[in-house]
Full PDB file with SEQRES, HELIX, SHEET, SSBOND, CRYST1, ORIGX, SCALE, CONECT and MASTER records, all heavy atoms in Angstrom:
SEQRES   1 A   37  ALA PRO GLU GLY ALA VAL VAL LYS GLN THR ALA VAL ALA          
SEQRES   2 A   37  PRO SER MET ARG ARG HIS ARG GLY PRO ALA ARG VAL PHE          
SEQRES   3 A   37  ASP SER GLN GLU GLU ALA VAL GLU THR ILE LEU                  
HELIX    1 AA1 GLN A    9  ALA A   11  5                                   3    
HELIX    2 AA2 PRO A   14  MET A   16  5                                   3    
HELIX    3 AA3 GLN A   29  ILE A   36  1                                   8    
CRYST1    1.000    1.000    1.000  90.00  90.00  90.00 P 1           1          
ORIGX1      1.000000  0.000000  0.000000        0.00000                         
ORIGX2      0.000000  1.000000  0.000000        0.00000                         
ORIGX3      0.000000  0.000000  1.000000        0.00000                         
SCALE1      1.000000  0.000000  0.000000        0.00000                         
SCALE2      0.000000  1.000000  0.000000        0.00000                         
SCALE3      0.000000  0.000000  1.000000        0.00000                         
ATOM      1  N   ALA A   1      -9.142  -7.439   5.618  1.00  0.00           N  
ATOM      2  CA  ALA A   1     -10.238  -6.481   5.418  1.00  0.00           C  
ATOM      3  C   ALA A   1     -11.558  -7.228   5.238  1.00  0.00           C  
ATOM      4  O   ALA A   1     -12.141  -7.223   4.147  1.00  0.00           O  
ATOM      5  CB  ALA A   1      -9.954  -5.600   4.208  1.00  0.00           C  
ATOM      6  N   PRO A   2     -12.065  -7.863   6.295  1.00  0.00           N  
ATOM      7  CA  PRO A   2     -13.327  -8.596   6.153  1.00  0.00           C  
ATOM      8  C   PRO A   2     -14.508  -7.702   5.796  1.00  0.00           C  
ATOM      9  O   PRO A   2     -15.457  -8.153   5.145  1.00  0.00           O  
ATOM     10  CB  PRO A   2     -13.521  -9.253   7.526  1.00  0.00           C  
ATOM     11  CG  PRO A   2     -12.602  -8.531   8.459  1.00  0.00           C  
ATOM     12  CD  PRO A   2     -11.459  -8.054   7.636  1.00  0.00           C  
ATOM     13  N   GLU A   3     -14.440  -6.414   6.187  1.00  0.00           N  
ATOM     14  CA  GLU A   3     -15.501  -5.484   5.801  1.00  0.00           C  
ATOM     15  C   GLU A   3     -15.203  -4.798   4.474  1.00  0.00           C  
ATOM     16  O   GLU A   3     -16.040  -4.077   3.944  1.00  0.00           O  
ATOM     17  CB  GLU A   3     -15.696  -4.412   6.886  1.00  0.00           C  
ATOM     18  CG  GLU A   3     -16.249  -4.947   8.193  1.00  0.00           C  
ATOM     19  CD  GLU A   3     -16.466  -3.841   9.213  1.00  0.00           C  
ATOM     20  OE1 GLU A   3     -16.258  -2.650   8.878  1.00  0.00           O  
ATOM     21  OE2 GLU A   3     -16.825  -4.160  10.354  1.00  0.00           O  
ATOM     22  N   GLY A   4     -14.004  -5.000   3.971  1.00  0.00           N  
ATOM     23  CA  GLY A   4     -13.648  -4.442   2.670  1.00  0.00           C  
ATOM     24  C   GLY A   4     -12.540  -3.410   2.743  1.00  0.00           C  
ATOM     25  O   GLY A   4     -12.237  -2.836   3.794  1.00  0.00           O  
ATOM     26  N   ALA A   5     -11.894  -3.193   1.603  1.00  0.00           N  
ATOM     27  CA  ALA A   5     -10.914  -2.139   1.375  1.00  0.00           C  
ATOM     28  C   ALA A   5     -11.066  -1.731  -0.078  1.00  0.00           C  
ATOM     29  O   ALA A   5     -11.676  -2.456  -0.879  1.00  0.00           O  
ATOM     30  CB  ALA A   5      -9.502  -2.630   1.662  1.00  0.00           C  
ATOM     31  N   VAL A   6     -10.527  -0.579  -0.447  1.00  0.00           N  
ATOM     32  CA  VAL A   6     -10.746  -0.070  -1.800  1.00  0.00           C  
ATOM     33  C   VAL A   6      -9.428   0.306  -2.455  1.00  0.00           C  
ATOM     34  O   VAL A   6      -8.497   0.786  -1.799  1.00  0.00           O  
ATOM     35  CB  VAL A   6     -11.702   1.152  -1.789  1.00  0.00           C  
ATOM     36  CG1 VAL A   6     -11.099   2.329  -1.047  1.00  0.00           C  
ATOM     37  CG2 VAL A   6     -12.091   1.564  -3.205  1.00  0.00           C  
ATOM     38  N   VAL A   7      -9.349   0.078  -3.761  1.00  0.00           N  
ATOM     39  CA  VAL A   7      -8.206   0.509  -4.555  1.00  0.00           C  
ATOM     40  C   VAL A   7      -8.735   1.106  -5.845  1.00  0.00           C  
ATOM     41  O   VAL A   7      -9.733   0.642  -6.393  1.00  0.00           O  
ATOM     42  CB  VAL A   7      -7.239  -0.667  -4.845  1.00  0.00           C  
ATOM     43  CG1 VAL A   7      -7.922  -1.776  -5.647  1.00  0.00           C  
ATOM     44  CG2 VAL A   7      -5.987  -0.182  -5.562  1.00  0.00           C  
ATOM     45  N   LYS A   8      -8.090   2.175  -6.310  1.00  0.00           N  
ATOM     46  CA  LYS A   8      -8.433   2.753  -7.604  1.00  0.00           C  
ATOM     47  C   LYS A   8      -7.687   1.937  -8.655  1.00  0.00           C  
ATOM     48  O   LYS A   8      -6.564   2.248  -9.033  1.00  0.00           O  
ATOM     49  CB  LYS A   8      -8.034   4.231  -7.645  1.00  0.00           C  
ATOM     50  CG  LYS A   8      -8.613   4.985  -8.834  1.00  0.00           C  
ATOM     51  CD  LYS A   8      -8.366   6.479  -8.697  1.00  0.00           C  
ATOM     52  CE  LYS A   8      -8.979   7.255  -9.857  1.00  0.00           C  
ATOM     53  NZ  LYS A   8      -8.776   8.713  -9.710  1.00  0.00           N  
ATOM     54  N   GLN A   9      -8.347   0.886  -9.130  1.00  0.00           N  
ATOM     55  CA  GLN A   9      -7.666  -0.094  -9.966  1.00  0.00           C  
ATOM     56  C   GLN A   9      -7.242   0.468 -11.318  1.00  0.00           C  
ATOM     57  O   GLN A   9      -6.263  -0.001 -11.915  1.00  0.00           O  
ATOM     58  CB  GLN A   9      -8.551  -1.321 -10.176  1.00  0.00           C  
ATOM     59  CG  GLN A   9      -9.862  -1.045 -10.887  1.00  0.00           C  
ATOM     60  CD  GLN A   9     -10.649  -2.313 -11.145  1.00  0.00           C  
ATOM     61  OE1 GLN A   9     -10.093  -3.411 -11.184  1.00  0.00           O  
ATOM     62  NE2 GLN A   9     -11.953  -2.191 -11.323  1.00  0.00           N  
ATOM     63  N   THR A  10      -7.924   1.484 -11.801  1.00  0.00           N  
ATOM     64  CA  THR A  10      -7.566   2.069 -13.093  1.00  0.00           C  
ATOM     65  C   THR A  10      -6.262   2.854 -13.021  1.00  0.00           C  
ATOM     66  O   THR A  10      -5.728   3.262 -14.050  1.00  0.00           O  
ATOM     67  CB  THR A  10      -8.692   2.994 -13.589  1.00  0.00           C  
ATOM     68  OG1 THR A  10      -9.036   3.926 -12.549  1.00  0.00           O  
ATOM     69  CG2 THR A  10      -9.924   2.191 -13.961  1.00  0.00           C  
ATOM     70  N   ALA A  11      -5.741   3.071 -11.791  1.00  0.00           N  
ATOM     71  CA  ALA A  11      -4.483   3.797 -11.619  1.00  0.00           C  
ATOM     72  C   ALA A  11      -3.326   2.868 -11.260  1.00  0.00           C  
ATOM     73  O   ALA A  11      -2.252   3.332 -10.883  1.00  0.00           O  
ATOM     74  CB  ALA A  11      -4.647   4.866 -10.533  1.00  0.00           C  
ATOM     75  N   VAL A  12      -3.530   1.542 -11.382  1.00  0.00           N  
ATOM     76  CA  VAL A  12      -2.517   0.570 -10.992  1.00  0.00           C  
ATOM     77  C   VAL A  12      -1.910  -0.055 -12.241  1.00  0.00           C  
ATOM     78  O   VAL A  12      -2.625  -0.524 -13.129  1.00  0.00           O  
ATOM     79  CB  VAL A  12      -3.125  -0.538 -10.100  1.00  0.00           C  
ATOM     80  CG1 VAL A  12      -2.055  -1.554  -9.697  1.00  0.00           C  
ATOM     81  CG2 VAL A  12      -3.763   0.073  -8.856  1.00  0.00           C  
ATOM     82  N   ALA A  13      -0.581  -0.085 -12.300  1.00  0.00           N  
ATOM     83  CA  ALA A  13       0.105  -0.710 -13.428  1.00  0.00           C  
ATOM     84  C   ALA A  13      -0.179  -2.213 -13.451  1.00  0.00           C  
ATOM     85  O   ALA A  13      -0.325  -2.842 -12.396  1.00  0.00           O  
ATOM     86  CB  ALA A  13       1.613  -0.470 -13.321  1.00  0.00           C  
ATOM     87  N   PRO A  14      -0.264  -2.812 -14.642  1.00  0.00           N  
ATOM     88  CA  PRO A  14      -0.542  -4.256 -14.735  1.00  0.00           C  
ATOM     89  C   PRO A  14       0.403  -5.113 -13.907  1.00  0.00           C  
ATOM     90  O   PRO A  14      -0.003  -6.123 -13.326  1.00  0.00           O  
ATOM     91  CB  PRO A  14      -0.398  -4.538 -16.233  1.00  0.00           C  
ATOM     92  CG  PRO A  14      -0.723  -3.240 -16.896  1.00  0.00           C  
ATOM     93  CD  PRO A  14      -0.195  -2.183 -15.977  1.00  0.00           C  
ATOM     94  N   SER A  15       1.665  -4.707 -13.810  1.00  0.00           N  
ATOM     95  CA  SER A  15       2.649  -5.507 -13.083  1.00  0.00           C  
ATOM     96  C   SER A  15       2.392  -5.561 -11.580  1.00  0.00           C  
ATOM     97  O   SER A  15       2.923  -6.428 -10.879  1.00  0.00           O  
ATOM     98  CB  SER A  15       4.053  -4.946 -13.322  1.00  0.00           C  
ATOM     99  OG  SER A  15       4.139  -3.607 -12.840  1.00  0.00           O  
ATOM    100  N   MET A  16       1.566  -4.620 -11.052  1.00  0.00           N  
ATOM    101  CA  MET A  16       1.315  -4.579  -9.610  1.00  0.00           C  
ATOM    102  C   MET A  16      -0.119  -4.956  -9.252  1.00  0.00           C  
ATOM    103  O   MET A  16      -0.525  -4.810  -8.101  1.00  0.00           O  
ATOM    104  CB  MET A  16       1.631  -3.181  -9.065  1.00  0.00           C  
ATOM    105  CG  MET A  16       3.102  -2.836  -9.064  1.00  0.00           C  
ATOM    106  SD  MET A  16       4.095  -3.881  -7.962  1.00  0.00           S  
ATOM    107  CE  MET A  16       3.517  -3.338  -6.358  1.00  0.00           C  
ATOM    108  N   ARG A  17      -0.861  -5.452 -10.219  1.00  0.00           N  
ATOM    109  CA  ARG A  17      -2.249  -5.820  -9.919  1.00  0.00           C  
ATOM    110  C   ARG A  17      -2.321  -7.063  -9.031  1.00  0.00           C  
ATOM    111  O   ARG A  17      -3.311  -7.278  -8.348  1.00  0.00           O  
ATOM    112  CB  ARG A  17      -3.037  -6.001 -11.210  1.00  0.00           C  
ATOM    113  CG  ARG A  17      -3.237  -4.671 -11.936  1.00  0.00           C  
ATOM    114  CD  ARG A  17      -3.926  -4.853 -13.277  1.00  0.00           C  
ATOM    115  NE  ARG A  17      -5.281  -5.358 -13.126  1.00  0.00           N  
ATOM    116  CZ  ARG A  17      -6.331  -4.616 -12.795  1.00  0.00           C  
ATOM    117  NH1 ARG A  17      -6.178  -3.322 -12.550  1.00  0.00           N  
ATOM    118  NH2 ARG A  17      -7.527  -5.156 -12.708  1.00  0.00           N  
ATOM    119  N   ARG A  18      -1.280  -7.875  -9.102  1.00  0.00           N  
ATOM    120  CA  ARG A  18      -1.099  -8.953  -8.117  1.00  0.00           C  
ATOM    121  C   ARG A  18       0.285  -8.762  -7.503  1.00  0.00           C  
ATOM    122  O   ARG A  18       1.270  -8.671  -8.210  1.00  0.00           O  
ATOM    123  CB  ARG A  18      -1.201 -10.329  -8.764  1.00  0.00           C  
ATOM    124  CG  ARG A  18      -2.628 -10.749  -9.120  1.00  0.00           C  
ATOM    125  CD  ARG A  18      -2.673 -12.198  -9.570  1.00  0.00           C  
ATOM    126  NE  ARG A  18      -4.041 -12.650  -9.760  1.00  0.00           N  
ATOM    127  CZ  ARG A  18      -4.697 -12.593 -10.926  1.00  0.00           C  
ATOM    128  NH1 ARG A  18      -4.087 -12.105 -12.001  1.00  0.00           N  
ATOM    129  NH2 ARG A  18      -5.937 -13.031 -11.009  1.00  0.00           N  
ATOM    130  N   HIS A  19       0.327  -8.700  -6.169  1.00  0.00           N  
ATOM    131  CA  HIS A  19       1.612  -8.430  -5.525  1.00  0.00           C  
ATOM    132  C   HIS A  19       1.671  -9.122  -4.176  1.00  0.00           C  
ATOM    133  O   HIS A  19       0.712  -9.120  -3.402  1.00  0.00           O  
ATOM    134  CB  HIS A  19       1.810  -6.929  -5.336  1.00  0.00           C  
ATOM    135  CG  HIS A  19       3.120  -6.589  -4.681  1.00  0.00           C  
ATOM    136  ND1 HIS A  19       4.327  -6.731  -5.323  1.00  0.00           N  
ATOM    137  CD2 HIS A  19       3.411  -6.134  -3.432  1.00  0.00           C  
ATOM    138  CE1 HIS A  19       5.314  -6.369  -4.516  1.00  0.00           C  
ATOM    139  NE2 HIS A  19       4.778  -6.005  -3.363  1.00  0.00           N  
ATOM    140  N   ARG A  20       2.832  -9.714  -3.913  1.00  0.00           N  
ATOM    141  CA  ARG A  20       3.099 -10.327  -2.605  1.00  0.00           C  
ATOM    142  C   ARG A  20       4.406  -9.734  -2.105  1.00  0.00           C  
ATOM    143  O   ARG A  20       5.424  -9.734  -2.819  1.00  0.00           O  
ATOM    144  CB  ARG A  20       3.212 -11.836  -2.746  1.00  0.00           C  
ATOM    145  CG  ARG A  20       3.653 -12.575  -1.471  1.00  0.00           C  
ATOM    146  CD  ARG A  20       3.710 -14.081  -1.759  1.00  0.00           C  
ATOM    147  NE  ARG A  20       4.413 -14.817  -0.720  1.00  0.00           N  
ATOM    148  CZ  ARG A  20       3.855 -15.220   0.414  1.00  0.00           C  
ATOM    149  NH1 ARG A  20       2.572 -14.968   0.642  1.00  0.00           N  
ATOM    150  NH2 ARG A  20       4.564 -15.882   1.312  1.00  0.00           N  
ATOM    151  N   GLY A  21       4.393  -9.198  -0.893  1.00  0.00           N  
ATOM    152  CA  GLY A  21       5.597  -8.579  -0.383  1.00  0.00           C  
ATOM    153  C   GLY A  21       5.583  -8.445   1.117  1.00  0.00           C  
ATOM    154  O   GLY A  21       4.543  -8.586   1.770  1.00  0.00           O  
ATOM    155  N   PRO A  22       6.764  -8.144   1.699  1.00  0.00           N  
ATOM    156  CA  PRO A  22       6.877  -8.018   3.153  1.00  0.00           C  
ATOM    157  C   PRO A  22       6.342  -6.673   3.652  1.00  0.00           C  
ATOM    158  O   PRO A  22       6.538  -5.635   3.025  1.00  0.00           O  
ATOM    159  CB  PRO A  22       8.385  -8.110   3.392  1.00  0.00           C  
ATOM    160  CG  PRO A  22       8.992  -7.576   2.125  1.00  0.00           C  
ATOM    161  CD  PRO A  22       8.067  -7.991   1.019  1.00  0.00           C  
ATOM    162  N   ALA A  23       5.689  -6.717   4.793  1.00  0.00           N  
ATOM    163  CA  ALA A  23       5.132  -5.498   5.393  1.00  0.00           C  
ATOM    164  C   ALA A  23       6.239  -4.630   5.970  1.00  0.00           C  
ATOM    165  O   ALA A  23       7.204  -5.116   6.541  1.00  0.00           O  
ATOM    166  CB  ALA A  23       4.144  -5.865   6.488  1.00  0.00           C  
ATOM    167  N   ARG A  24       6.068  -3.302   5.790  1.00  0.00           N  
ATOM    168  CA  ARG A  24       6.837  -2.291   6.515  1.00  0.00           C  
ATOM    169  C   ARG A  24       5.798  -1.460   7.254  1.00  0.00           C  
ATOM    170  O   ARG A  24       5.035  -0.719   6.639  1.00  0.00           O  
ATOM    171  CB  ARG A  24       7.653  -1.433   5.546  1.00  0.00           C  
ATOM    172  CG  ARG A  24       8.720  -2.204   4.796  1.00  0.00           C  
ATOM    173  CD  ARG A  24       9.825  -2.682   5.737  1.00  0.00           C  
ATOM    174  NE  ARG A  24      10.404  -1.595   6.513  1.00  0.00           N  
ATOM    175  CZ  ARG A  24      11.368  -0.784   6.053  1.00  0.00           C  
ATOM    176  NH1 ARG A  24      11.856  -0.943   4.821  1.00  0.00           N  
ATOM    177  NH2 ARG A  24      11.850   0.168   6.819  1.00  0.00           N  
ATOM    178  N   VAL A  25       5.742  -1.600   8.560  1.00  0.00           N  
ATOM    179  CA  VAL A  25       4.599  -1.128   9.344  1.00  0.00           C  
ATOM    180  C   VAL A  25       4.901   0.213  10.011  1.00  0.00           C  
ATOM    181  O   VAL A  25       5.955   0.390  10.646  1.00  0.00           O  
ATOM    182  CB  VAL A  25       4.209  -2.175  10.409  1.00  0.00           C  
ATOM    183  CG1 VAL A  25       2.985  -1.701  11.195  1.00  0.00           C  
ATOM    184  CG2 VAL A  25       3.930  -3.523   9.745  1.00  0.00           C  
ATOM    185  N   PHE A  26       3.932   1.138   9.899  1.00  0.00           N  
ATOM    186  CA  PHE A  26       4.039   2.472  10.497  1.00  0.00           C  
ATOM    187  C   PHE A  26       2.717   2.818  11.183  1.00  0.00           C  
ATOM    188  O   PHE A  26       1.645   2.471  10.693  1.00  0.00           O  
ATOM    189  CB  PHE A  26       4.354   3.515   9.424  1.00  0.00           C  
ATOM    190  CG  PHE A  26       5.591   3.214   8.627  1.00  0.00           C  
ATOM    191  CD1 PHE A  26       5.499   2.519   7.422  1.00  0.00           C  
ATOM    192  CD2 PHE A  26       6.839   3.592   9.082  1.00  0.00           C  
ATOM    193  CE1 PHE A  26       6.636   2.218   6.687  1.00  0.00           C  
ATOM    194  CE2 PHE A  26       7.985   3.302   8.360  1.00  0.00           C  
ATOM    195  CZ  PHE A  26       7.878   2.608   7.153  1.00  0.00           C  
ATOM    196  N   ASP A  27       2.828   3.520  12.297  1.00  0.00           N  
ATOM    197  CA  ASP A  27       1.630   3.920  13.047  1.00  0.00           C  
ATOM    198  C   ASP A  27       1.176   5.335  12.709  1.00  0.00           C  
ATOM    199  O   ASP A  27       0.271   5.869  13.358  1.00  0.00           O  
ATOM    200  CB  ASP A  27       1.876   3.806  14.548  1.00  0.00           C  
ATOM    201  CG  ASP A  27       1.925   2.350  15.010  1.00  0.00           C  
ATOM    202  OD1 ASP A  27       1.401   1.486  14.280  1.00  0.00           O  
ATOM    203  OD2 ASP A  27       2.493   2.079  16.086  1.00  0.00           O  
ATOM    204  N   SER A  28       1.805   5.956  11.708  1.00  0.00           N  
ATOM    205  CA  SER A  28       1.361   7.279  11.265  1.00  0.00           C  
ATOM    206  C   SER A  28       1.952   7.565   9.892  1.00  0.00           C  
ATOM    207  O   SER A  28       2.954   6.958   9.483  1.00  0.00           O  
ATOM    208  CB  SER A  28       1.796   8.378  12.242  1.00  0.00           C  
ATOM    209  OG  SER A  28       3.192   8.623  12.134  1.00  0.00           O  
ATOM    210  N   GLN A  29       1.323   8.509   9.210  1.00  0.00           N  
ATOM    211  CA  GLN A  29       1.815   8.960   7.913  1.00  0.00           C  
ATOM    212  C   GLN A  29       3.211   9.577   8.029  1.00  0.00           C  
ATOM    213  O   GLN A  29       4.086   9.342   7.183  1.00  0.00           O  
ATOM    214  CB  GLN A  29       0.838   9.990   7.339  1.00  0.00           C  
ATOM    215  CG  GLN A  29       1.320  10.667   6.079  1.00  0.00           C  
ATOM    216  CD  GLN A  29       0.304  11.633   5.510  1.00  0.00           C  
ATOM    217  OE1 GLN A  29      -0.047  11.550   4.350  1.00  0.00           O  
ATOM    218  NE2 GLN A  29      -0.201  12.551   6.319  1.00  0.00           N  
ATOM    219  N   GLU A  30       3.442  10.352   9.076  1.00  0.00           N  
ATOM    220  CA  GLU A  30       4.717  11.060   9.225  1.00  0.00           C  
ATOM    221  C   GLU A  30       5.896  10.091   9.313  1.00  0.00           C  
ATOM    222  O   GLU A  30       6.958  10.324   8.716  1.00  0.00           O  
ATOM    223  CB  GLU A  30       4.682  11.958  10.466  1.00  0.00           C  
ATOM    224  CG  GLU A  30       3.800  13.184  10.340  1.00  0.00           C  
ATOM    225  CD  GLU A  30       2.321  12.940  10.567  1.00  0.00           C  
ATOM    226  OE1 GLU A  30       1.928  11.770  10.798  1.00  0.00           O  
ATOM    227  OE2 GLU A  30       1.541  13.893  10.509  1.00  0.00           O  
ATOM    228  N   GLU A  31       5.710   8.994  10.063  1.00  0.00           N  
ATOM    229  CA  GLU A  31       6.775   7.999  10.170  1.00  0.00           C  
ATOM    230  C   GLU A  31       7.110   7.421   8.792  1.00  0.00           C  
ATOM    231  O   GLU A  31       8.280   7.205   8.458  1.00  0.00           O  
ATOM    232  CB  GLU A  31       6.349   6.866  11.106  1.00  0.00           C  
ATOM    233  CG  GLU A  31       6.165   7.255  12.554  1.00  0.00           C  
ATOM    234  CD  GLU A  31       5.615   6.084  13.365  1.00  0.00           C  
ATOM    235  OE1 GLU A  31       5.850   4.917  12.973  1.00  0.00           O  
ATOM    236  OE2 GLU A  31       4.935   6.328  14.371  1.00  0.00           O  
ATOM    237  N   ALA A  32       6.077   7.156   8.008  1.00  0.00           N  
ATOM    238  CA  ALA A  32       6.286   6.563   6.683  1.00  0.00           C  
ATOM    239  C   ALA A  32       7.026   7.524   5.756  1.00  0.00           C  
ATOM    240  O   ALA A  32       7.964   7.131   5.053  1.00  0.00           O  
ATOM    241  CB  ALA A  32       4.947   6.158   6.082  1.00  0.00           C  
ATOM    242  N   VAL A  33       6.628   8.786   5.743  1.00  0.00           N  
ATOM    243  CA  VAL A  33       7.271   9.770   4.865  1.00  0.00           C  
ATOM    244  C   VAL A  33       8.752   9.909   5.215  1.00  0.00           C  
ATOM    245  O   VAL A  33       9.619   9.933   4.326  1.00  0.00           O  
ATOM    246  CB  VAL A  33       6.557  11.139   4.965  1.00  0.00           C  
ATOM    247  CG1 VAL A  33       7.374  12.230   4.268  1.00  0.00           C  
ATOM    248  CG2 VAL A  33       5.166  11.056   4.347  1.00  0.00           C  
ATOM    249  N   GLU A  34       9.053   9.983   6.501  1.00  0.00           N  
ATOM    250  CA  GLU A  34      10.452  10.120   6.938  1.00  0.00           C  
ATOM    251  C   GLU A  34      11.288   8.939   6.447  1.00  0.00           C  
ATOM    252  O   GLU A  34      12.418   9.105   5.972  1.00  0.00           O  
ATOM    253  CB  GLU A  34      10.492  10.205   8.464  1.00  0.00           C  
ATOM    254  CG  GLU A  34      11.899  10.371   9.036  1.00  0.00           C  
ATOM    255  CD  GLU A  34      11.887  10.439  10.559  1.00  0.00           C  
ATOM    256  OE1 GLU A  34      10.804  10.627  11.148  1.00  0.00           O  
ATOM    257  OE2 GLU A  34      12.972  10.290  11.155  1.00  0.00           O  
ATOM    258  N   THR A  35      10.732   7.730   6.532  1.00  0.00           N  
ATOM    259  CA  THR A  35      11.461   6.535   6.112  1.00  0.00           C  
ATOM    260  C   THR A  35      11.656   6.495   4.601  1.00  0.00           C  
ATOM    261  O   THR A  35      12.726   6.114   4.112  1.00  0.00           O  
ATOM    262  CB  THR A  35      10.714   5.273   6.587  1.00  0.00           C  
ATOM    263  OG1 THR A  35      10.562   5.328   8.010  1.00  0.00           O  
ATOM    264  CG2 THR A  35      11.463   4.010   6.217  1.00  0.00           C  
ATOM    265  N   ILE A  36      10.640   6.895   3.865  1.00  0.00           N  
ATOM    266  CA  ILE A  36      10.751   6.909   2.398  1.00  0.00           C  
ATOM    267  C   ILE A  36      11.823   7.891   1.956  1.00  0.00           C  
ATOM    268  O   ILE A  36      12.697   7.566   1.135  1.00  0.00           O  
ATOM    269  CB  ILE A  36       9.394   7.274   1.762  1.00  0.00           C  
ATOM    270  CG1 ILE A  36       8.337   6.204   2.063  1.00  0.00           C  
ATOM    271  CG2 ILE A  36       9.540   7.440   0.239  1.00  0.00           C  
ATOM    272  CD1 ILE A  36       6.914   6.658   1.772  1.00  0.00           C  
ATOM    273  N   LEU A  37      11.786   9.100   2.503  1.00  0.00           N  
ATOM    274  CA  LEU A  37      12.755  10.120   2.099  1.00  0.00           C  
ATOM    275  C   LEU A  37      14.178   9.748   2.503  1.00  0.00           C  
ATOM    276  O   LEU A  37      15.149  10.188   1.879  1.00  0.00           O  
ATOM    277  CB  LEU A  37      12.365  11.479   2.701  1.00  0.00           C  
ATOM    278  CG  LEU A  37      11.089  12.111   2.141  1.00  0.00           C  
ATOM    279  CD1 LEU A  37      10.765  13.403   2.883  1.00  0.00           C  
ATOM    280  CD2 LEU A  37      11.224  12.378   0.647  1.00  0.00           C  
TER     281      LEU A  37                                                      
MASTER        0    0    0    3    0    0    0    6  280    1    0    3          
END                                                                             
C-alpha cells in the first residue's frame, strides 16, 4: 500500500496489532464468505 491503507486500530485486540500470516486470496466478497462459512 504505497499510497496507504487504513485500519480502525481502536477496534483491534492487542494480540493482533502485529501479525504475520499466509494469504488466502479472493477476487470478491462472495467467494470469501462462502469459504468462511
